[in-house]
Amino acid sequence: MLMNTLYADNEPSRAEIDAMTGPVLLEFGAPWCGHCQAAQALIAAALSPHQAVCHIKIEDGRGRRLGRSFGVKLWPTLIFLRDGQEVTRLVRPDDAESIRRALAQIDAAP
């Protein structure tokens, strides 16, 4: 899957996330967040060879339950899942290489 550039219209439930199979990247943030905007090119560069990874952008904030269920406090927070289980996470990544390493932990692609 290619990188999503838009936040999901409907926030998935925690049960839906937990039931997902395969590699999943959850990206929590907000469209107006400067840190989130700065990370977009890094995420795109790291994600491009990982076509099997399902990338879901979730707008986080007050009243958003999914982010709270994952303990998200700063944006962007990237949560890397394999078969519904968290493998690792990055908070405010500032280089593509750390994202690549995290993606390698959930995906068999190079």
C-alpha atoms as a PDB file:
ATOM      1  CA  MET A   1       0.000   0.000   0.000  1.00  0.00           C
ATOM      2  CA  LEU A   2       1.206   3.477  -0.764  1.00  0.00           C
ATOM      3  CA  MET A   3       1.509   6.129   1.898  1.00  0.00           C
ATOM      4  CA  ASN A   4      -1.771   7.740   2.838  1.00  0.00           C
ATOM      5  CA  THR A   5      -1.564  11.501   2.603  1.00  0.00           C
ATOM      6  CA  LEU A   6      -4.975  12.130   4.160  1.00  0.00           C
ATOM      7  CA  TYR A   7      -6.210  11.351   7.624  1.00  0.00           C
ATOM      8  CA  ALA A   8      -8.862   8.637   7.842  1.00  0.00           C
ATOM      9  CA  ASP A   9     -12.426   9.947   7.600  1.00  0.00           C
ATOM     10  CA  ASN A  10     -13.562   7.515  10.267  1.00  0.00           C
ATOM     11  CA  GLU A  11     -11.334   6.513  13.159  1.00  0.00           C
ATOM     12  CA  PRO A  12     -11.196   2.708  13.353  1.00  0.00           C
ATOM     13  CA  SER A  13     -12.028   1.094  16.675  1.00  0.00           C
ATOM     14  CA  ARG A  14      -9.359  -0.505  18.826  1.00  0.00           C
ATOM     15  CA  ALA A  15     -11.032  -3.886  18.192  1.00  0.00           C
ATOM     16  CA  GLU A  16     -10.704  -3.353  14.425  1.00  0.00           C
ATOM     17  CA  ILE A  17      -7.014  -2.484  14.784  1.00  0.00           C
ATOM     18  CA  ASP A  18      -6.356  -5.453  17.075  1.00  0.00           C
ATOM     19  CA  ALA A  19      -8.015  -7.788  14.532  1.00  0.00           C
ATOM     20  CA  MET A  20      -5.908  -6.616  11.574  1.00  0.00           C
ATOM     21  CA  THR A  21      -3.520  -9.114  10.044  1.00  0.00           C
ATOM     22  CA  GLY A  22      -0.125  -8.429   8.558  1.00  0.00           C
ATOM     23  CA  PRO A  23       2.028  -5.321   8.914  1.00  0.00           C
ATOM     24  CA  VAL A  24       0.278  -2.069   9.851  1.00  0.00           C
ATOM     25  CA  LEU A  25       1.642   1.412  10.459  1.00  0.00           C
ATOM     26  CA  LEU A  26      -0.605   3.668  12.524  1.00  0.00           C
ATOM     27  CA  GLU A  27       0.336   7.331  12.253  1.00  0.00           C
ATOM     28  CA  PHE A  28      -1.236   9.536  14.921  1.00  0.00           C
ATOM     29  CA  GLY A  29      -1.111  13.281  14.426  1.00  0.00           C
ATOM     30  CA  ALA A  30      -2.991  16.330  13.198  1.00  0.00           C
ATOM     31  CA  PRO A  31      -2.970  18.112   9.832  1.00  0.00           C
ATOM     32  CA  TRP A  32      -1.982  21.443  11.413  1.00  0.00           C
ATOM     33  CA  CYS A  33       0.891  19.969  13.491  1.00  0.00           C
ATOM     34  CA  GLY A  34       4.304  21.237  12.351  1.00  0.00           C
ATOM     35  CA  HIS A  35       6.093  18.115  13.618  1.00  0.00           C
ATOM     36  CA  CYS A  36       3.632  15.942  11.665  1.00  0.00           C
ATOM     37  CA  GLN A  37       4.131  17.968   8.495  1.00  0.00           C
ATOM     38  CA  ALA A  38       7.922  17.755   8.836  1.00  0.00           C
ATOM     39  CA  ALA A  39       7.786  13.960   9.185  1.00  0.00           C
ATOM     40  CA  GLN A  40       5.763  13.344   6.005  1.00  0.00           C
ATOM     41  CA  ALA A  41       8.731  13.199   3.605  1.00  0.00           C
ATOM     42  CA  LEU A  42      10.614  10.897   5.998  1.00  0.00           C
ATOM     43  CA  ILE A  43       7.649   8.542   6.298  1.00  0.00           C
ATOM     44  CA  ALA A  44       7.115   8.506   2.532  1.00  0.00           C
ATOM     45  CA  ALA A  45      10.778   7.724   1.842  1.00  0.00           C
ATOM     46  CA  ALA A  46      10.878   4.892   4.367  1.00  0.00           C
ATOM     47  CA  LEU A  47       7.499   3.424   3.440  1.00  0.00           C
ATOM     48  CA  SER A  48       7.930   3.291  -0.352  1.00  0.00           C
ATOM     49  CA  PRO A  49       9.625  -0.151  -0.545  1.00  0.00           C
ATOM     50  CA  HIS A  50       7.171  -1.659   1.954  1.00  0.00           C
ATOM     51  CA  GLN A  51       4.155  -2.150  -0.291  1.00  0.00           C
ATOM     52  CA  ALA A  52       2.641  -4.799   2.011  1.00  0.00           C
ATOM     53  CA  VAL A  53       2.360  -2.388   4.950  1.00  0.00           C
ATOM     54  CA  CYS A  54      -1.098  -0.943   5.571  1.00  0.00           C
ATOM     55  CA  HIS A  55      -0.589   2.737   6.480  1.00  0.00           C
ATOM     56  CA  ILE A  56      -3.404   4.401   8.433  1.00  0.00           C
ATOM     57  CA  LYS A  57      -3.223   8.110   9.302  1.00  0.00           C
ATOM     58  CA  ILE A  58      -5.369   8.937  12.302  1.00  0.00           C
ATOM     59  CA  GLU A  59      -6.158  12.469  13.369  1.00  0.00           C
ATOM     60  CA  ASP A  60      -5.645  12.555  17.104  1.00  0.00           C
ATOM     61  CA  GLY A  61      -6.779  15.003  19.742  1.00  0.00           C
ATOM     62  CA  ARG A  62      -9.234  15.649  22.518  1.00  0.00           C
ATOM     63  CA  GLY A  63     -12.028  13.085  22.587  1.00  0.00           C
ATOM     64  CA  ARG A  64     -10.235  10.650  20.277  1.00  0.00           C
ATOM     65  CA  ARG A  65     -10.295   7.249  21.932  1.00  0.00           C
ATOM     66  CA  LEU A  66      -7.940   5.287  19.691  1.00  0.00           C
ATOM     67  CA  GLY A  67      -4.952   7.499  20.442  1.00  0.00           C
ATOM     68  CA  ARG A  68      -5.659   7.306  24.160  1.00  0.00           C
ATOM     69  CA  SER A  69      -5.891   3.501  23.983  1.00  0.00           C
ATOM     70  CA  PHE A  70      -2.335   3.471  22.600  1.00  0.00           C
ATOM     71  CA  GLY A  71      -1.068   6.059  25.111  1.00  0.00           C
ATOM     72  CA  VAL A  72      -0.287   8.658  22.432  1.00  0.00           C
ATOM     73  CA  LYS A  73       0.899  11.930  23.986  1.00  0.00           C
ATOM     74  CA  LEU A  74       3.025  13.619  21.282  1.00  0.00           C
ATOM     75  CA  TRP A  75       2.628  13.875  17.515  1.00  0.00           C
ATOM     76  CA  PRO A  76       3.473  12.325  15.287  1.00  0.00           C
ATOM     77  CA  THR A  77       3.495   8.951  16.962  1.00  0.00           C
ATOM     78  CA  LEU A  78       4.091   6.021  14.643  1.00  0.00           C
ATOM     79  CA  ILE A  79       2.967   2.634  15.930  1.00  0.00           C
ATOM     80  CA  PHE A  80       4.185  -0.421  14.044  1.00  0.00           C
ATOM     81  CA  LEU A  81       1.927  -3.472  14.367  1.00  0.00           C
ATOM     82  CA  ARG A  82       2.146  -7.045  13.173  1.00  0.00           C
ATOM     83  CA  ASP A  83      -1.087  -9.068  13.301  1.00  0.00           C
ATOM     84  CA  GLY A  84      -2.690  -6.550  15.662  1.00  0.00           C
ATOM     85  CA  GLN A  85       0.194  -6.528  18.139  1.00  0.00           C
ATOM     86  CA  GLU A  86       2.468  -3.544  18.707  1.00  0.00           C
ATOM     87  CA  VAL A  87       6.058  -4.338  17.768  1.00  0.00           C
ATOM     88  CA  THR A  88       7.617  -0.904  18.215  1.00  0.00           C
ATOM     89  CA  ARG A  89       6.827   2.805  18.070  1.00  0.00           C
ATOM     90  CA  LEU A  90       8.523   6.060  17.193  1.00  0.00           C
ATOM     91  CA  VAL A  91       7.592   9.441  18.611  1.00  0.00           C
ATOM     92  CA  ARG A  92       8.504  12.494  16.532  1.00  0.00           C
ATOM     93  CA  PRO A  93      10.926  10.664  14.243  1.00  0.00           C
ATOM     94  CA  ASP A  94      13.519  12.950  12.711  1.00  0.00           C
ATOM     95  CA  ASP A  95      15.186  10.600  10.228  1.00  0.00           C
ATOM     96  CA  ALA A  96      13.995   8.109   7.623  1.00  0.00           C
ATOM     97  CA  GLU A  97      16.447   5.435   8.762  1.00  0.00           C
ATOM     98  CA  SER A  98      14.763   4.925  12.148  1.00  0.00           C
ATOM     99  CA  ILE A  99      11.434   4.526  10.338  1.00  0.00           C
ATOM    100  CA  ARG A 100      13.016   2.035   7.911  1.00  0.00           C
ATOM    101  CA  ARG A 101      14.374  -0.034  10.811  1.00  0.00           C
ATOM    102  CA  ALA A 102      10.960  -0.088  12.486  1.00  0.00           C
ATOM    103  CA  LEU A 103       9.258  -1.077   9.214  1.00  0.00           C
ATOM    104  CA  ALA A 104      11.773  -3.906   8.765  1.00  0.00           C
ATOM    105  CA  GLN A 105      10.605  -5.326  12.099  1.00  0.00           C
ATOM    106  CA  ILE A 106       7.027  -5.739  10.830  1.00  0.00           C
ATOM    107  CA  ASP A 107       7.513  -6.376   7.102  1.00  0.00           C
ATOM    108  CA  ALA A 108       9.570  -8.902   5.196  1.00  0.00           C
ATOM    109  CA  ALA A 109      10.190  -6.467   2.274  1.00  0.00           C
ATOM    110  CA  PRO A 110      13.685  -4.997   1.865  1.00  0.00           C
END
